[in-house]
Amino acid sequence: MKRFFLLGGLFLVLLAACTKKDNLPAYDAIAQYDTDSAKIVAYLAANNITDVKHDPRGIFYQIINRGDTKDSANAAAFVTVAYKGTLLDKTMFDSSDSLSIGLNQVIQGWTIGVPKIGKGGEINLFLPSIYGYGPNAGRIPANSVLIFNVKLKNFVNR
């Protein structure tokens, strides 16, 4: 019986080794970030979008309205937002008039960007793909630069 399990385990190891996806290119996050950043800069220039800042962590953002500046959401806050997500070609891929969710449960670009405004604030986020869905984008194209308009209706810091 032990021999059967050892042979079965060896078979699984060999099967896993043989199904390795050697034909796929390696994902280079730094090169992808550089490519995405160049696309964002070109998009901003082509659309005359000004007053965009580049966060040291790597996202681009434009504050439309700071909102209540007495307090802001932290990275673990539970937020209620209205938002619209588009691609660079202006294709809308998602939106909501009222989404309630933890900022630790969303893409990293939101976790970094939403705390830059207070309650009642509005921000445009221009996100390199590594701050969105990266190569595992699901229903949108892999490595897509994402643009979000987010209005922060309310939040509770945790």
Protein backbone atom coordinates (compact mmCIF):
# COMPACT_ATOMS: atom_id res chain seq x y z
CA MET A 1 0.00 0.00 0.00
CA LYS A 2 2.86 2.37 0.86
CA ARG A 3 4.42 1.68 -2.52
CA PHE A 4 1.12 2.66 -4.21
CA PHE A 5 1.06 6.01 -2.40
CA LEU A 6 4.75 6.65 -3.14
CA LEU A 7 4.21 5.90 -6.84
CA GLY A 8 1.05 8.05 -6.87
CA GLY A 9 2.92 10.93 -5.24
CA LEU A 10 5.82 10.58 -7.69
CA PHE A 11 3.33 10.60 -10.58
CA LEU A 12 1.76 13.85 -9.32
CA VAL A 13 5.19 15.49 -9.01
CA LEU A 14 6.11 14.44 -12.55
CA LEU A 15 2.73 15.61 -13.87
CA ALA A 16 3.17 19.01 -12.26
CA ALA A 17 6.68 19.31 -13.72
CA CYS A 18 5.47 18.41 -17.20
CA THR A 19 2.59 20.90 -17.16
CA LYS A 20 4.81 23.85 -16.26
CA LYS A 21 4.02 26.76 -18.55
CA ASP A 22 7.50 27.40 -19.93
CA ASN A 23 6.11 28.94 -23.10
CA LEU A 24 4.60 31.93 -21.26
CA PRO A 25 6.69 35.10 -20.93
CA ALA A 26 7.82 36.01 -17.44
CA TYR A 27 5.82 38.83 -15.84
CA ASP A 28 8.15 41.76 -15.26
CA ALA A 29 6.29 44.10 -12.90
CA ILE A 30 8.86 46.91 -13.17
CA ALA A 31 8.81 46.93 -16.97
CA GLN A 32 5.00 46.76 -16.93
CA TYR A 33 4.85 49.68 -14.47
CA ASP A 34 7.14 51.75 -16.72
CA THR A 35 5.01 50.94 -19.79
CA ASP A 36 1.78 51.74 -17.95
CA SER A 37 3.16 55.00 -16.53
CA ALA A 38 4.15 56.15 -20.01
CA LYS A 39 0.63 55.35 -21.24
CA ILE A 40 -0.88 57.34 -18.37
CA VAL A 41 1.34 60.37 -19.02
CA ALA A 42 0.44 60.26 -22.75
CA TYR A 43 -3.29 59.91 -21.91
CA LEU A 44 -3.17 62.88 -19.54
CA ALA A 45 -1.44 65.04 -22.14
CA ALA A 46 -3.74 63.98 -24.99
CA ASN A 47 -6.82 64.75 -22.88
CA ASN A 48 -5.50 68.01 -21.36
CA ILE A 49 -5.86 66.62 -17.83
CA THR A 50 -3.90 68.77 -15.41
CA ASP A 51 -3.19 68.91 -11.68
CA VAL A 52 -2.38 65.21 -11.57
CA LYS A 53 0.01 64.13 -8.87
CA HIS A 54 2.23 61.05 -8.79
CA ASP A 55 2.19 59.32 -5.42
CA PRO A 56 5.59 57.99 -4.28
CA ARG A 57 4.03 54.50 -4.15
CA GLY A 58 3.29 54.70 -7.88
CA ILE A 59 -0.28 55.76 -8.57
CA PHE A 60 -1.37 58.91 -10.37
CA TYR A 61 -4.28 60.91 -8.97
CA GLN A 62 -6.27 64.10 -9.43
CA ILE A 63 -8.26 65.45 -6.52
CA ILE A 64 -11.51 66.95 -7.78
CA ASN A 65 -12.84 67.80 -4.31
CA ARG A 66 -10.97 67.16 -1.05
CA GLY A 67 -14.18 66.76 0.94
CA ASP A 68 -14.18 67.11 4.70
CA THR A 69 -10.52 67.51 5.56
CA LYS A 70 -10.96 66.97 9.32
CA ASP A 71 -10.46 63.24 8.88
CA SER A 72 -9.70 60.77 6.13
CA ALA A 73 -10.11 57.07 5.68
CA ASN A 74 -7.23 54.80 6.60
CA ALA A 75 -6.12 51.76 4.61
CA ALA A 76 -8.37 49.47 6.66
CA ALA A 77 -11.46 51.73 6.64
CA PHE A 78 -14.90 50.52 5.68
CA VAL A 79 -16.01 52.94 2.96
CA THR A 80 -19.16 53.74 1.03
CA VAL A 81 -18.39 55.11 -2.43
CA ALA A 82 -19.88 55.87 -5.80
CA TYR A 83 -17.45 55.07 -8.60
CA LYS A 84 -16.94 54.50 -12.29
CA GLY A 85 -14.07 52.46 -13.72
CA THR A 86 -12.86 52.89 -17.30
CA LEU A 87 -9.99 51.80 -19.49
CA LEU A 88 -7.75 54.24 -21.36
CA ASP A 89 -9.99 53.93 -24.43
CA LYS A 90 -12.85 55.19 -22.19
CA THR A 91 -14.62 51.79 -22.14
CA MET A 92 -16.48 51.58 -18.83
CA PHE A 93 -15.96 48.20 -17.16
CA ASP A 94 -17.58 48.76 -13.79
CA SER A 95 -19.60 51.29 -11.77
CA SER A 96 -21.75 51.65 -8.70
CA ASP A 97 -23.80 54.40 -7.10
CA SER A 98 -23.25 52.92 -3.65
CA LEU A 99 -20.62 50.31 -2.83
CA SER A 100 -19.74 49.59 0.79
CA ILE A 101 -16.50 47.68 1.27
CA GLY A 102 -13.28 47.59 3.27
CA LEU A 103 -10.31 49.35 1.68
CA ASN A 104 -8.29 46.27 2.58
CA GLN A 105 -10.58 44.24 0.27
CA VAL A 106 -10.08 46.22 -2.93
CA ILE A 107 -7.29 46.74 -5.43
CA GLN A 108 -4.15 48.37 -4.10
CA GLY A 109 -4.71 51.55 -6.13
CA TRP A 110 -7.88 52.25 -4.17
CA THR A 111 -6.21 51.45 -0.85
CA ILE A 112 -3.57 54.08 -1.65
CA GLY A 113 -5.80 56.65 -3.38
CA VAL A 114 -9.10 56.84 -1.50
CA PRO A 115 -7.49 57.99 1.81
CA LYS A 116 -6.28 61.13 -0.02
CA ILE A 117 -9.80 62.60 0.26
CA GLY A 118 -12.26 63.09 3.09
CA LYS A 119 -15.97 62.40 3.38
CA GLY A 120 -17.76 64.02 0.44
CA GLY A 121 -14.54 64.13 -1.59
CA GLU A 122 -13.96 63.05 -5.17
CA ILE A 123 -10.79 61.75 -6.80
CA ASN A 124 -9.69 60.44 -10.19
CA LEU A 125 -7.25 57.55 -9.93
CA PHE A 126 -5.00 56.65 -12.88
CA LEU A 127 -3.64 53.24 -12.00
CA PRO A 128 -0.79 51.30 -13.57
CA SER A 129 -1.92 47.70 -13.93
CA ILE A 130 0.14 46.48 -10.97
CA TYR A 131 -2.11 48.60 -8.74
CA GLY A 132 -5.21 47.14 -10.37
CA TYR A 133 -5.62 43.62 -11.67
CA GLY A 134 -2.23 43.10 -13.35
CA PRO A 135 -1.91 40.11 -15.67
CA ASN A 136 -4.88 38.38 -13.99
CA ALA A 137 -7.53 40.86 -15.04
CA GLY A 138 -10.48 38.53 -15.64
CA ARG A 139 -13.07 40.18 -17.84
CA ILE A 140 -10.90 43.18 -18.75
CA PRO A 141 -7.70 42.87 -20.80
CA ALA A 142 -4.62 41.75 -18.88
CA ASN A 143 -2.26 44.52 -17.74
CA SER A 144 -4.86 47.23 -18.30
CA VAL A 145 -4.29 50.75 -17.02
CA LEU A 146 -7.40 51.63 -15.02
CA ILE A 147 -9.07 54.98 -14.46
CA PHE A 148 -11.48 55.38 -11.57
CA ASN A 149 -13.59 58.33 -10.56
CA VAL A 150 -14.38 57.75 -6.88
CA LYS A 151 -16.71 59.78 -4.66
CA LEU A 152 -16.28 59.02 -0.96
CA LYS A 153 -19.74 59.14 0.59
CA ASN A 154 -18.81 57.91 4.05
CA PHE A 155 -16.24 55.84 5.94
CA VAL A 156 -15.52 54.25 9.28
CA ASN A 157 -11.88 53.77 10.21
CA ARG A 158 -10.97 50.44 11.77
